């Protein structure tokens, strides 16, 4: 499988998972059938969103761009390693499609509540990780026409 095709598969898969979870939660207000229908619809929509982001932002290049400069970022904490920051950047990439069209500041609290479940081996608490997640969002926004936060970041 070519790297480009693999990156699109990763983007679509990430979007499908996020969309299925969101759709299932939304559908559960109607009952068990709503949960299933919501999960299926959310998965399809999420896959399309994830794939469109992967078309504009190659996930492999995205991670590489941060790996080379994370120690120069203003939020970098002495003694932290790439393995601490990589999950934060990945979280930014993975969640952008789910919240596309919203400002990072508007969803930051929700992202913070979900950080512990997605942080993998990162030693960063949310207040340390959110700068990297925010940078990830802005990286994607700069690559997708019309998706730039209006706060100038």
N, C-alpha and C. Protein backbone atom coordinates (compact mmCIF):
# COMPACT_ATOMS: atom_id res chain seq x y z
N UNK A 1 0.85 -1.18 0.00
CA UNK A 1 0.00 0.00 0.00
C UNK A 1 0.89 1.23 0.00
N UNK A 2 0.60 2.18 -0.88
CA UNK A 2 1.42 3.40 -0.93
C UNK A 2 1.21 4.21 0.34
N UNK A 3 2.20 5.08 0.63
CA UNK A 3 2.09 5.93 1.83
C UNK A 3 0.89 6.85 1.75
N UNK A 4 0.59 7.38 0.55
CA UNK A 4 -0.55 8.29 0.40
C UNK A 4 -1.85 7.55 0.67
N UNK A 5 -2.00 6.38 0.09
CA UNK A 5 -3.22 5.60 0.31
C UNK A 5 -3.34 5.21 1.78
N UNK A 6 -2.22 4.84 2.41
CA UNK A 6 -2.22 4.49 3.82
C UNK A 6 -2.64 5.69 4.66
N UNK A 7 -2.12 6.88 4.35
CA UNK A 7 -2.47 8.08 5.10
C UNK A 7 -3.94 8.41 4.98
N UNK A 8 -4.52 8.22 3.78
CA UNK A 8 -5.95 8.45 3.61
C UNK A 8 -6.76 7.43 4.40
N UNK A 9 -6.28 6.21 4.43
CA UNK A 9 -6.97 5.17 5.21
C UNK A 9 -6.95 5.51 6.70
N UNK A 10 -5.81 6.00 7.17
CA UNK A 10 -5.69 6.39 8.57
C UNK A 10 -6.64 7.54 8.86
N UNK A 11 -6.67 8.54 7.98
CA UNK A 11 -7.56 9.69 8.17
C UNK A 11 -9.02 9.28 8.16
N UNK A 12 -9.40 8.44 7.20
CA UNK A 12 -10.78 8.00 7.12
C UNK A 12 -11.15 7.14 8.32
N UNK A 13 -10.24 6.27 8.75
CA UNK A 13 -10.51 5.41 9.90
C UNK A 13 -10.67 6.20 11.18
N UNK A 14 -9.80 7.17 11.38
CA UNK A 14 -9.89 8.03 12.56
C UNK A 14 -11.21 8.79 12.55
N UNK A 15 -11.57 9.34 11.40
CA UNK A 15 -12.83 10.07 11.30
C UNK A 15 -14.03 9.17 11.52
N UNK A 16 -13.97 7.95 11.01
CA UNK A 16 -15.08 7.01 11.17
C UNK A 16 -15.30 6.66 12.63
N UNK A 17 -14.22 6.43 13.34
CA UNK A 17 -14.34 6.09 14.76
C UNK A 17 -14.93 7.25 15.55
N UNK A 18 -14.37 8.44 15.34
CA UNK A 18 -14.88 9.62 16.05
C UNK A 18 -16.34 9.88 15.71
N UNK A 19 -16.67 9.77 14.43
CA UNK A 19 -18.04 10.00 13.99
C UNK A 19 -19.00 8.97 14.53
N UNK A 20 -18.59 7.70 14.57
CA UNK A 20 -19.45 6.65 15.09
C UNK A 20 -19.75 6.87 16.57
N UNK A 21 -18.76 7.26 17.32
CA UNK A 21 -18.97 7.51 18.75
C UNK A 21 -19.93 8.69 18.94
N UNK A 22 -19.67 9.79 18.23
CA UNK A 22 -20.53 10.96 18.35
C UNK A 22 -21.95 10.64 17.88
N UNK A 23 -22.08 9.93 16.77
CA UNK A 23 -23.40 9.56 16.26
C UNK A 23 -24.14 8.64 17.20
N UNK A 24 -23.43 7.70 17.80
CA UNK A 24 -24.06 6.78 18.76
C UNK A 24 -24.57 7.50 19.99
N UNK A 25 -23.78 8.44 20.47
CA UNK A 25 -24.20 9.22 21.64
C UNK A 25 -25.42 10.05 21.30
N UNK A 26 -25.39 10.73 20.14
CA UNK A 26 -26.54 11.55 19.74
C UNK A 26 -27.78 10.68 19.53
N UNK A 27 -27.61 9.55 18.89
CA UNK A 27 -28.74 8.66 18.62
C UNK A 27 -29.32 8.01 19.85
N UNK A 28 -28.53 7.89 20.91
CA UNK A 28 -29.00 7.21 22.11
C UNK A 28 -30.13 7.97 22.80
N UNK A 29 -30.31 9.23 22.48
CA UNK A 29 -31.42 9.99 23.07
C UNK A 29 -32.75 9.47 22.57
N UNK A 30 -32.74 8.79 21.42
CA UNK A 30 -33.97 8.24 20.85
C UNK A 30 -34.20 6.80 21.31
N UNK A 31 -33.16 6.14 21.75
CA UNK A 31 -33.27 4.76 22.20
C UNK A 31 -32.23 3.89 21.54
N UNK A 32 -32.29 2.56 21.81
CA UNK A 32 -31.27 1.65 21.28
C UNK A 32 -31.16 1.66 19.76
N UNK A 33 -32.26 1.72 19.07
CA UNK A 33 -32.22 1.75 17.60
C UNK A 33 -31.54 3.04 17.15
N UNK A 34 -31.85 4.14 17.83
CA UNK A 34 -31.23 5.42 17.51
C UNK A 34 -29.73 5.37 17.69
N UNK A 35 -29.27 4.65 18.71
CA UNK A 35 -27.84 4.51 18.95
C UNK A 35 -27.16 3.85 17.76
N UNK A 36 -27.74 2.76 17.29
CA UNK A 36 -27.17 2.03 16.16
C UNK A 36 -27.19 2.88 14.90
N UNK A 37 -28.33 3.47 14.60
CA UNK A 37 -28.45 4.29 13.40
C UNK A 37 -27.50 5.49 13.48
N UNK A 38 -27.45 6.12 14.65
CA UNK A 38 -26.56 7.26 14.83
C UNK A 38 -25.10 6.87 14.66
N UNK A 39 -24.72 5.71 15.19
CA UNK A 39 -23.33 5.25 15.07
C UNK A 39 -22.97 4.98 13.61
N UNK A 40 -23.88 4.36 12.88
CA UNK A 40 -23.61 4.07 11.46
C UNK A 40 -23.50 5.36 10.67
N UNK A 41 -24.47 6.24 10.84
CA UNK A 41 -24.45 7.51 10.10
C UNK A 41 -23.23 8.34 10.49
N UNK A 42 -22.94 8.40 11.78
CA UNK A 42 -21.77 9.15 12.24
C UNK A 42 -20.48 8.58 11.69
N UNK A 43 -20.40 7.26 11.62
CA UNK A 43 -19.19 6.62 11.07
C UNK A 43 -18.97 6.96 9.62
N UNK A 44 -20.04 6.96 8.82
CA UNK A 44 -19.93 7.29 7.40
C UNK A 44 -19.52 8.76 7.23
N UNK A 45 -20.19 9.64 7.94
CA UNK A 45 -19.88 11.07 7.84
C UNK A 45 -18.46 11.34 8.35
N UNK A 46 -18.11 10.69 9.47
CA UNK A 46 -16.77 10.87 10.04
C UNK A 46 -15.68 10.38 9.11
N UNK A 47 -15.92 9.27 8.42
CA UNK A 47 -14.93 8.74 7.48
C UNK A 47 -14.68 9.73 6.35
N UNK A 48 -15.76 10.32 5.83
CA UNK A 48 -15.60 11.31 4.76
C UNK A 48 -14.83 12.53 5.26
N UNK A 49 -15.14 12.99 6.47
CA UNK A 49 -14.44 14.16 7.02
C UNK A 49 -12.97 13.83 7.25
N UNK A 50 -12.71 12.65 7.81
CA UNK A 50 -11.33 12.24 8.07
C UNK A 50 -10.53 12.10 6.79
N UNK A 51 -11.17 11.58 5.75
CA UNK A 51 -10.49 11.41 4.48
C UNK A 51 -10.20 12.77 3.84
N UNK A 52 -11.15 13.72 3.95
CA UNK A 52 -10.91 15.04 3.36
C UNK A 52 -9.78 15.76 4.09
N UNK A 53 -9.66 15.57 5.39
CA UNK A 53 -8.56 16.17 6.14
C UNK A 53 -7.24 15.50 5.72
N UNK A 54 -7.27 14.18 5.56
CA UNK A 54 -6.06 13.46 5.16
C UNK A 54 -5.62 13.87 3.75
N UNK A 55 -6.56 14.28 2.89
CA UNK A 55 -6.20 14.77 1.56
C UNK A 55 -5.43 16.08 1.66
N UNK A 56 -5.86 16.95 2.56
CA UNK A 56 -5.23 18.26 2.71
C UNK A 56 -4.00 18.20 3.62
N UNK A 57 -4.03 17.32 4.59
CA UNK A 57 -2.96 17.25 5.59
C UNK A 57 -2.54 15.79 5.74
N UNK A 58 -1.42 15.46 5.17
CA UNK A 58 -0.88 14.11 5.27
C UNK A 58 -0.52 13.84 6.73
N UNK A 59 -1.12 12.83 7.37
CA UNK A 59 -0.86 12.58 8.79
C UNK A 59 0.61 12.32 9.12
N UNK A 60 1.32 11.67 8.22
CA UNK A 60 2.73 11.38 8.46
C UNK A 60 3.55 12.67 8.44
N UNK A 61 3.29 13.52 7.45
CA UNK A 61 3.99 14.80 7.38
C UNK A 61 3.61 15.71 8.55
N UNK A 62 2.35 15.65 8.93
CA UNK A 62 1.85 16.45 10.07
C UNK A 62 2.67 16.15 11.32
N UNK A 63 2.78 14.87 11.67
CA UNK A 63 3.53 14.48 12.87
C UNK A 63 5.00 14.85 12.73
N UNK A 64 5.58 14.60 11.56
CA UNK A 64 7.00 14.93 11.34
C UNK A 64 7.28 16.41 11.52
N UNK A 65 6.37 17.25 11.08
CA UNK A 65 6.60 18.69 11.19
C UNK A 65 6.71 19.12 12.65
N UNK A 66 5.98 18.49 13.53
CA UNK A 66 6.05 18.84 14.95
C UNK A 66 7.23 18.18 15.64
N UNK A 67 7.57 16.98 15.23
CA UNK A 67 8.68 16.26 15.86
C UNK A 67 9.98 17.05 15.74
N UNK A 68 10.14 17.74 14.63
CA UNK A 68 11.38 18.48 14.41
C UNK A 68 11.46 19.79 15.19
N UNK A 69 10.35 20.29 15.73
CA UNK A 69 10.40 21.60 16.37
C UNK A 69 9.70 21.73 17.70
N UNK A 70 9.22 20.63 18.27
CA UNK A 70 8.43 20.73 19.49
C UNK A 70 9.20 21.36 20.65
N UNK A 71 10.52 21.17 20.69
CA UNK A 71 11.31 21.73 21.80
C UNK A 71 11.45 23.25 21.72
N UNK A 72 11.14 23.82 20.58
CA UNK A 72 11.19 25.28 20.44
C UNK A 72 9.83 25.92 20.69
N UNK A 73 8.80 25.11 20.87
CA UNK A 73 7.45 25.65 21.10
C UNK A 73 7.38 26.31 22.48
N UNK A 74 6.61 27.37 22.62
CA UNK A 74 6.52 28.08 23.89
C UNK A 74 5.97 27.24 25.05
N UNK A 75 5.25 26.19 24.74
CA UNK A 75 4.66 25.33 25.78
C UNK A 75 5.57 24.16 26.15
N UNK A 76 6.71 24.03 25.49
CA UNK A 76 7.61 22.92 25.80
C UNK A 76 8.09 23.03 27.25
N UNK A 77 8.05 21.91 27.96
CA UNK A 77 8.52 21.85 29.34
C UNK A 77 9.82 21.06 29.39
N UNK A 78 10.83 21.64 29.99
CA UNK A 78 12.13 20.99 30.12
C UNK A 78 11.96 19.59 30.72
N UNK A 79 12.67 18.63 30.17
CA UNK A 79 12.62 17.26 30.67
C UNK A 79 11.56 16.40 29.99
N UNK A 80 10.73 17.00 29.18
CA UNK A 80 9.72 16.23 28.45
C UNK A 80 10.32 15.77 27.12
N UNK A 81 9.82 14.66 26.63
CA UNK A 81 10.35 14.05 25.41
C UNK A 81 9.28 14.02 24.32
N UNK A 82 9.70 13.63 23.13
CA UNK A 82 8.79 13.52 22.00
C UNK A 82 7.62 12.59 22.34
N UNK A 83 7.88 11.50 23.05
CA UNK A 83 6.81 10.56 23.40
C UNK A 83 5.76 11.18 24.32
N UNK A 84 6.09 12.29 24.97
CA UNK A 84 5.10 13.01 25.76
C UNK A 84 4.23 13.91 24.88
N UNK A 85 4.83 14.51 23.86
CA UNK A 85 4.11 15.46 23.01
C UNK A 85 3.41 14.82 21.82
N UNK A 86 3.96 13.73 21.30
CA UNK A 86 3.37 13.11 20.11
C UNK A 86 1.88 12.79 20.31
N UNK A 87 1.46 12.20 21.44
CA UNK A 87 0.02 11.94 21.61
C UNK A 87 -0.82 13.21 21.59
N UNK A 88 -0.28 14.33 22.06
CA UNK A 88 -1.02 15.59 22.04
C UNK A 88 -1.22 16.07 20.60
N UNK A 89 -0.17 16.01 19.80
CA UNK A 89 -0.31 16.41 18.39
C UNK A 89 -1.26 15.46 17.67
N UNK A 90 -1.15 14.17 17.95
CA UNK A 90 -2.04 13.19 17.34
C UNK A 90 -3.49 13.46 17.75
N UNK A 91 -3.70 13.81 19.01
CA UNK A 91 -5.03 14.13 19.51
C UNK A 91 -5.60 15.34 18.76
N UNK A 92 -4.76 16.33 18.49
CA UNK A 92 -5.20 17.48 17.71
C UNK A 92 -5.67 17.06 16.32
N UNK A 93 -4.89 16.20 15.68
CA UNK A 93 -5.25 15.72 14.34
C UNK A 93 -6.53 14.90 14.39
N UNK A 94 -6.60 14.00 15.35
CA UNK A 94 -7.74 13.07 15.44
C UNK A 94 -9.05 13.78 15.77
N UNK A 95 -8.99 14.85 16.55
CA UNK A 95 -10.23 15.50 16.97
C UNK A 95 -10.66 16.64 16.08
N UNK A 96 -9.77 17.15 15.25
CA UNK A 96 -10.13 18.30 14.43
C UNK A 96 -11.37 18.03 13.58
N UNK A 97 -11.41 16.89 12.92
CA UNK A 97 -12.55 16.57 12.05
C UNK A 97 -13.86 16.48 12.81
N UNK A 98 -13.79 15.99 14.04
CA UNK A 98 -15.00 15.86 14.85
C UNK A 98 -15.59 17.23 15.19
N UNK A 99 -14.73 18.22 15.36
CA UNK A 99 -15.17 19.55 15.77
C UNK A 99 -14.99 20.59 14.66
N UNK A 100 -14.79 20.13 13.45
CA UNK A 100 -14.51 21.02 12.32
C UNK A 100 -15.57 22.12 12.25
N UNK A 101 -15.07 23.33 12.02
CA UNK A 101 -15.97 24.48 11.95
C UNK A 101 -16.12 25.22 13.27
N UNK A 102 -15.58 24.63 14.34
CA UNK A 102 -15.63 25.28 15.64
C UNK A 102 -14.23 25.78 16.00
N UNK A 103 -14.18 26.79 16.83
CA UNK A 103 -12.89 27.30 17.30
C UNK A 103 -12.36 26.39 18.40
N UNK A 104 -11.05 26.27 18.43
CA UNK A 104 -10.41 25.47 19.47
C UNK A 104 -10.84 25.95 20.86
N UNK A 105 -10.83 27.26 21.07
CA UNK A 105 -11.18 27.80 22.38
C UNK A 105 -12.59 27.41 22.82
N UNK A 106 -13.48 27.24 21.85
CA UNK A 106 -14.86 26.88 22.17
C UNK A 106 -15.02 25.42 22.60
N UNK A 107 -14.08 24.56 22.21
CA UNK A 107 -14.19 23.13 22.55
C UNK A 107 -13.06 22.67 23.47
N UNK A 108 -12.21 23.59 23.87
CA UNK A 108 -11.04 23.23 24.69
C UNK A 108 -11.42 22.47 25.96
N UNK A 109 -12.45 22.91 26.66
CA UNK A 109 -12.84 22.24 27.90
C UNK A 109 -13.26 20.79 27.65
N UNK A 110 -13.99 20.57 26.57
CA UNK A 110 -14.41 19.20 26.24
C UNK A 110 -13.21 18.34 25.85
N UNK A 111 -12.31 18.90 25.07
CA UNK A 111 -11.09 18.17 24.70
C UNK A 111 -10.29 17.83 25.96
N UNK A 112 -10.22 18.76 26.88
CA UNK A 112 -9.50 18.53 28.14
C UNK A 112 -10.09 17.39 28.94
N UNK A 113 -11.42 17.30 28.96
CA UNK A 113 -12.07 16.20 29.70
C UNK A 113 -11.75 14.84 29.08
N UNK A 114 -11.54 14.82 27.78
CA UNK A 114 -11.29 13.55 27.07
C UNK A 114 -9.80 13.21 26.98
N UNK A 115 -8.92 14.12 27.37
CA UNK A 115 -7.48 13.93 27.21
C UNK A 115 -6.98 12.69 27.93
N UNK A 116 -7.38 12.47 29.16
CA UNK A 116 -6.85 11.32 29.92
C UNK A 116 -7.13 9.99 29.24
N UNK A 117 -8.25 9.88 28.54
CA UNK A 117 -8.60 8.63 27.87
C UNK A 117 -7.81 8.41 26.58
N UNK A 118 -7.16 9.46 26.07
CA UNK A 118 -6.48 9.35 24.78
C UNK A 118 -4.99 9.64 24.84
N UNK A 119 -4.47 9.95 25.99
CA UNK A 119 -3.10 10.43 26.10
C UNK A 119 -2.03 9.36 25.94
N UNK A 120 -2.42 8.11 25.88
CA UNK A 120 -1.48 7.00 25.73
C UNK A 120 -0.42 7.05 26.83
N UNK A 121 0.84 7.06 26.46
CA UNK A 121 1.93 7.05 27.45
C UNK A 121 2.44 8.45 27.80
N UNK A 122 1.76 9.46 27.32
CA UNK A 122 2.20 10.82 27.58
C UNK A 122 2.13 11.14 29.07
N UNK A 123 3.15 11.83 29.56
CA UNK A 123 3.18 12.26 30.96
C UNK A 123 2.56 13.65 31.13
N UNK A 124 2.10 14.23 30.04
CA UNK A 124 1.56 15.59 30.10
C UNK A 124 0.15 15.61 30.65
N UNK A 125 -0.09 16.52 31.57
CA UNK A 125 -1.45 16.81 32.00
C UNK A 125 -2.06 17.72 30.94
N UNK A 126 -3.37 17.88 30.96
CA UNK A 126 -4.04 18.66 29.93
C UNK A 126 -3.45 20.07 29.82
N UNK A 127 -3.20 20.73 30.93
CA UNK A 127 -2.69 22.11 30.86
C UNK A 127 -1.33 22.17 30.17
N UNK A 128 -0.57 21.08 30.15
CA UNK A 128 0.71 21.03 29.44
C UNK A 128 0.52 20.60 27.98
N UNK A 129 -0.48 19.80 27.72
CA UNK A 129 -0.70 19.23 26.38
C UNK A 129 -1.50 20.15 25.47
N UNK A 130 -2.34 21.00 26.04
CA UNK A 130 -3.27 21.75 25.19
C UNK A 130 -2.58 22.67 24.18
N UNK A 131 -1.41 23.18 24.47
CA UNK A 131 -0.69 24.00 23.49
C UNK A 131 -0.34 23.21 22.24
N UNK A 132 0.09 21.98 22.43
CA UNK A 132 0.41 21.12 21.29
C UNK A 132 -0.85 20.76 20.51
N UNK A 133 -1.92 20.47 21.21
CA UNK A 133 -3.19 20.14 20.55
C UNK A 133 -3.65 21.36 19.75
N UNK A 134 -3.59 22.54 20.36
CA UNK A 134 -3.98 23.78 19.68
C UNK A 134 -3.11 24.00 18.43
N UNK A 135 -1.81 23.80 18.54
CA UNK A 135 -0.93 23.96 17.38
C UNK A 135 -1.33 22.98 16.27
N UNK A 136 -1.70 21.78 16.65
CA UNK A 136 -2.15 20.80 15.67
C UNK A 136 -3.39 21.27 14.93
N UNK A 137 -4.34 21.80 15.68
CA UNK A 137 -5.56 22.33 15.07
C UNK A 137 -5.22 23.45 14.09
N UNK A 138 -4.39 24.37 14.51
CA UNK A 138 -4.08 25.51 13.65
C UNK A 138 -3.28 25.09 12.42
N UNK A 139 -2.47 24.09 12.54
CA UNK A 139 -1.75 23.54 11.40
C UNK A 139 -2.76 23.07 10.35
N UNK A 140 -3.77 22.32 10.80
CA UNK A 140 -4.79 21.80 9.87
C UNK A 140 -5.61 22.96 9.30
N UNK A 141 -6.01 23.89 10.15
CA UNK A 141 -6.80 25.03 9.67
C UNK A 141 -6.07 25.80 8.58
N UNK A 142 -4.78 25.93 8.71
CA UNK A 142 -4.01 26.64 7.70
C UNK A 142 -3.92 25.88 6.39
N UNK A 143 -4.14 24.59 6.42
CA UNK A 143 -4.09 23.77 5.21
C UNK A 143 -5.46 23.64 4.54
N UNK A 144 -6.54 23.87 5.29
CA UNK A 144 -7.89 23.72 4.75
C UNK A 144 -8.49 25.10 4.51
N UNK A 145 -8.76 25.43 3.27
CA UNK A 145 -9.34 26.76 2.97
C UNK A 145 -10.66 26.97 3.72
N UNK A 146 -10.79 28.13 4.32
CA UNK A 146 -12.03 28.48 5.01
C UNK A 146 -12.16 27.95 6.40
N UNK A 147 -11.17 27.25 6.93
CA UNK A 147 -11.26 26.67 8.25
C UNK A 147 -10.40 27.38 9.29
N UNK A 148 -9.91 28.56 9.00
CA UNK A 148 -9.03 29.26 9.91
C UNK A 148 -9.81 29.92 11.03
N UNK A 149 -9.39 29.69 12.27
CA UNK A 149 -9.97 30.41 13.41
C UNK A 149 -9.85 31.90 13.15
N UNK A 150 -10.81 32.63 13.57
CA UNK A 150 -10.83 34.07 13.32
C UNK A 150 -10.10 34.86 14.41
N UNK A 151 -9.48 34.17 15.36
CA UNK A 151 -8.77 34.89 16.41
C UNK A 151 -7.32 35.19 16.02
N UNK A 152 -6.97 34.92 14.78
CA UNK A 152 -5.64 35.27 14.31
C UNK A 152 -4.56 34.26 14.63
N UNK A 153 -4.91 33.15 15.25
CA UNK A 153 -3.91 32.15 15.61
C UNK A 153 -3.85 31.08 14.56
